[in-house]
């Protein structure tokens, strides 16, 4: 799966889960009021299901922006 495919899937997840109008890699948890701790768990659970990965807790707490999430997904996909 290339970056473009990952970003498209990630965009759909962000729009559906957080109700944002669009997804950008520069988006951060601090910029979106709806992205609270409960939505963060929901977002990560949806990402795990969509990409067939299991995110470790240490990585979950670091995944606070679109770019960081993309990089972690790429790491997990390459580890499979």
N, C-alpha and C. Protein backbone atom coordinates (compact mmCIF):
# COMPACT_ATOMS: atom_id res chain seq x y z
N UNK A 1 0.85 -1.17 0.00
CA UNK A 1 0.00 0.00 0.00
C UNK A 1 0.90 1.24 0.00
N UNK A 2 0.67 2.15 -0.93
CA UNK A 2 1.50 3.35 -1.01
C UNK A 2 0.92 4.48 -0.16
N UNK A 3 1.68 5.57 -0.03
CA UNK A 3 1.26 6.70 0.81
C UNK A 3 -0.09 7.25 0.39
N UNK A 4 -0.31 7.38 -0.91
CA UNK A 4 -1.57 7.94 -1.41
C UNK A 4 -2.77 7.09 -0.97
N UNK A 5 -2.64 5.79 -1.04
CA UNK A 5 -3.72 4.89 -0.63
C UNK A 5 -3.95 4.97 0.88
N UNK A 6 -2.88 5.04 1.64
CA UNK A 6 -3.00 5.16 3.09
C UNK A 6 -3.68 6.47 3.46
N UNK A 7 -3.25 7.56 2.83
CA UNK A 7 -3.82 8.88 3.12
C UNK A 7 -5.30 8.92 2.76
N UNK A 8 -5.69 8.32 1.66
CA UNK A 8 -7.11 8.29 1.26
C UNK A 8 -7.93 7.57 2.33
N UNK A 9 -7.46 6.41 2.76
CA UNK A 9 -8.17 5.64 3.78
C UNK A 9 -8.20 6.40 5.10
N UNK A 10 -7.09 7.02 5.44
CA UNK A 10 -6.99 7.81 6.67
C UNK A 10 -7.94 9.01 6.62
N UNK A 11 -8.02 9.64 5.47
CA UNK A 11 -8.93 10.77 5.29
C UNK A 11 -10.37 10.36 5.55
N UNK A 12 -10.78 9.24 4.99
CA UNK A 12 -12.14 8.74 5.21
C UNK A 12 -12.39 8.47 6.69
N UNK A 13 -11.41 7.90 7.37
CA UNK A 13 -11.55 7.60 8.80
C UNK A 13 -11.70 8.88 9.61
N UNK A 14 -10.88 9.88 9.33
CA UNK A 14 -10.96 11.15 10.06
C UNK A 14 -12.30 11.83 9.83
N UNK A 15 -12.75 11.86 8.59
CA UNK A 15 -14.02 12.50 8.27
C UNK A 15 -15.17 11.79 8.97
N UNK A 16 -15.17 10.47 8.93
CA UNK A 16 -16.25 9.70 9.56
C UNK A 16 -16.20 9.75 11.09
N UNK A 17 -15.02 9.66 11.66
CA UNK A 17 -14.88 9.56 13.11
C UNK A 17 -14.94 10.91 13.81
N UNK A 18 -14.27 11.90 13.24
CA UNK A 18 -14.18 13.20 13.90
C UNK A 18 -15.11 14.25 13.30
N UNK A 19 -15.71 13.94 12.17
CA UNK A 19 -16.62 14.88 11.54
C UNK A 19 -15.95 16.09 10.93
N UNK A 20 -14.66 15.97 10.60
CA UNK A 20 -13.97 17.08 9.94
C UNK A 20 -14.38 17.13 8.47
N UNK A 21 -14.25 18.30 7.87
CA UNK A 21 -14.61 18.47 6.47
C UNK A 21 -13.57 17.91 5.52
N UNK A 22 -12.31 17.96 5.95
CA UNK A 22 -11.23 17.44 5.13
C UNK A 22 -10.08 17.01 6.03
N UNK A 23 -9.23 16.17 5.49
CA UNK A 23 -8.07 15.67 6.23
C UNK A 23 -6.81 16.20 5.60
N UNK A 24 -5.90 16.68 6.43
CA UNK A 24 -4.57 17.09 5.99
C UNK A 24 -3.55 16.47 6.93
N UNK A 25 -2.39 16.16 6.43
CA UNK A 25 -1.35 15.57 7.27
C UNK A 25 -0.93 16.50 8.40
N UNK A 26 -1.11 17.80 8.21
CA UNK A 26 -0.70 18.77 9.23
C UNK A 26 -1.70 18.88 10.38
N UNK A 27 -2.84 18.23 10.26
CA UNK A 27 -3.88 18.30 11.29
C UNK A 27 -3.36 17.72 12.61
N UNK A 28 -3.69 18.38 13.73
CA UNK A 28 -3.24 17.90 15.04
C UNK A 28 -4.42 17.77 16.00
N UNK A 29 -4.20 17.00 17.04
CA UNK A 29 -5.21 16.77 18.06
C UNK A 29 -5.64 18.09 18.71
N UNK A 30 -4.71 19.01 18.89
CA UNK A 30 -5.00 20.30 19.52
C UNK A 30 -5.90 21.19 18.67
N UNK A 31 -5.93 20.97 17.37
CA UNK A 31 -6.69 21.83 16.46
C UNK A 31 -8.15 21.43 16.33
N UNK A 32 -8.50 20.24 16.76
CA UNK A 32 -9.86 19.73 16.56
C UNK A 32 -10.50 19.48 17.92
N UNK A 33 -11.51 20.29 18.25
CA UNK A 33 -12.17 20.17 19.55
C UNK A 33 -12.76 18.79 19.77
N UNK A 34 -13.27 18.18 18.72
CA UNK A 34 -13.90 16.86 18.83
C UNK A 34 -12.89 15.74 19.08
N UNK A 35 -11.63 15.99 18.84
CA UNK A 35 -10.59 14.97 18.99
C UNK A 35 -10.13 14.93 20.45
N UNK A 36 -11.00 14.40 21.30
CA UNK A 36 -10.67 14.25 22.71
C UNK A 36 -10.16 12.83 22.96
N UNK A 37 -9.95 12.47 24.21
CA UNK A 37 -9.37 11.16 24.52
C UNK A 37 -10.25 10.00 24.07
N UNK A 38 -11.56 10.15 24.20
CA UNK A 38 -12.46 9.08 23.76
C UNK A 38 -12.47 8.94 22.24
N UNK A 39 -12.49 10.07 21.55
CA UNK A 39 -12.44 10.02 20.08
C UNK A 39 -11.09 9.49 19.60
N UNK A 40 -10.04 9.75 20.37
CA UNK A 40 -8.71 9.25 20.02
C UNK A 40 -8.72 7.72 20.03
N UNK A 41 -9.32 7.14 21.05
CA UNK A 41 -9.42 5.68 21.13
C UNK A 41 -10.26 5.14 19.98
N UNK A 42 -11.38 5.80 19.69
CA UNK A 42 -12.23 5.37 18.58
C UNK A 42 -11.48 5.49 17.26
N UNK A 43 -10.75 6.56 17.08
CA UNK A 43 -9.98 6.78 15.86
C UNK A 43 -8.94 5.67 15.68
N UNK A 44 -8.20 5.37 16.73
CA UNK A 44 -7.16 4.35 16.65
C UNK A 44 -7.74 2.95 16.45
N UNK A 45 -8.86 2.66 17.08
CA UNK A 45 -9.52 1.37 16.89
C UNK A 45 -9.98 1.21 15.44
N UNK A 46 -10.51 2.27 14.88
CA UNK A 46 -10.95 2.25 13.48
C UNK A 46 -9.75 2.08 12.55
N UNK A 47 -8.66 2.75 12.85
CA UNK A 47 -7.43 2.62 12.05
C UNK A 47 -6.92 1.19 12.11
N UNK A 48 -6.90 0.60 13.30
CA UNK A 48 -6.43 -0.78 13.44
C UNK A 48 -7.26 -1.72 12.57
N UNK A 49 -8.57 -1.57 12.61
CA UNK A 49 -9.46 -2.44 11.83
C UNK A 49 -9.27 -2.21 10.33
N UNK A 50 -9.15 -0.96 9.93
CA UNK A 50 -9.04 -0.63 8.50
C UNK A 50 -7.74 -1.12 7.88
N UNK A 51 -6.67 -1.10 8.66
CA UNK A 51 -5.36 -1.47 8.13
C UNK A 51 -4.89 -2.85 8.58
N UNK A 52 -5.68 -3.52 9.40
CA UNK A 52 -5.32 -4.86 9.86
C UNK A 52 -4.06 -4.87 10.71
N UNK A 53 -3.94 -3.86 11.58
CA UNK A 53 -2.76 -3.75 12.44
C UNK A 53 -3.19 -3.68 13.90
N UNK A 54 -2.24 -3.88 14.79
CA UNK A 54 -2.48 -3.72 16.22
C UNK A 54 -1.45 -2.73 16.76
N UNK A 55 -1.93 -1.57 17.15
CA UNK A 55 -1.05 -0.48 17.58
C UNK A 55 -0.70 -0.65 19.05
N UNK A 56 0.58 -0.58 19.34
CA UNK A 56 1.06 -0.69 20.72
C UNK A 56 0.78 0.61 21.47
N UNK A 57 0.57 0.51 22.78
CA UNK A 57 0.23 1.67 23.60
C UNK A 57 1.25 2.80 23.46
N UNK A 58 2.53 2.46 23.43
CA UNK A 58 3.57 3.49 23.31
C UNK A 58 3.37 4.33 22.05
N UNK A 59 2.92 3.69 20.98
CA UNK A 59 2.68 4.40 19.73
C UNK A 59 1.37 5.17 19.77
N UNK A 60 0.36 4.63 20.45
CA UNK A 60 -0.94 5.30 20.53
C UNK A 60 -0.82 6.71 21.09
N UNK A 61 -0.03 6.86 22.13
CA UNK A 61 0.07 8.17 22.77
C UNK A 61 0.88 9.17 21.94
N UNK A 62 1.63 8.68 20.97
CA UNK A 62 2.41 9.56 20.09
C UNK A 62 1.63 9.96 18.83
N UNK A 63 0.53 9.31 18.57
CA UNK A 63 -0.20 9.51 17.31
C UNK A 63 -1.19 10.68 17.45
N UNK A 64 -0.64 11.91 17.46
CA UNK A 64 -1.45 13.09 17.73
C UNK A 64 -1.54 14.05 16.55
N UNK A 65 -1.10 13.61 15.39
CA UNK A 65 -1.23 14.42 14.17
C UNK A 65 -1.38 13.49 12.97
N UNK A 66 -1.87 14.05 11.89
CA UNK A 66 -2.02 13.26 10.68
C UNK A 66 -0.71 12.66 10.22
N UNK A 67 0.35 13.45 10.25
CA UNK A 67 1.67 12.99 9.80
C UNK A 67 2.21 11.88 10.70
N UNK A 68 2.07 12.05 12.02
CA UNK A 68 2.55 11.02 12.94
C UNK A 68 1.76 9.72 12.78
N UNK A 69 0.47 9.85 12.56
CA UNK A 69 -0.36 8.66 12.35
C UNK A 69 0.04 7.95 11.06
N UNK A 70 0.24 8.71 9.99
CA UNK A 70 0.69 8.12 8.72
C UNK A 70 1.99 7.36 8.91
N UNK A 71 2.95 7.97 9.58
CA UNK A 71 4.25 7.33 9.78
C UNK A 71 4.13 6.04 10.59
N UNK A 72 3.30 6.05 11.63
CA UNK A 72 3.12 4.85 12.45
C UNK A 72 2.43 3.75 11.65
N UNK A 73 1.43 4.10 10.85
CA UNK A 73 0.75 3.10 10.02
C UNK A 73 1.75 2.46 9.06
N UNK A 74 2.58 3.28 8.43
CA UNK A 74 3.60 2.76 7.50
C UNK A 74 4.55 1.81 8.22
N UNK A 75 4.91 2.15 9.45
CA UNK A 75 5.79 1.28 10.25
C UNK A 75 5.13 -0.07 10.49
N UNK A 76 3.87 -0.05 10.89
CA UNK A 76 3.17 -1.29 11.20
C UNK A 76 2.93 -2.13 9.94
N UNK A 77 2.61 -1.47 8.84
CA UNK A 77 2.38 -2.20 7.59
C UNK A 77 3.68 -2.86 7.12
N UNK A 78 4.81 -2.16 7.27
CA UNK A 78 6.08 -2.73 6.82
C UNK A 78 6.55 -3.86 7.73
N UNK A 79 6.08 -3.88 8.98
CA UNK A 79 6.45 -4.94 9.92
C UNK A 79 5.68 -6.24 9.69
N UNK A 80 4.60 -6.16 8.91
CA UNK A 80 3.75 -7.35 8.70
C UNK A 80 4.41 -8.32 7.76
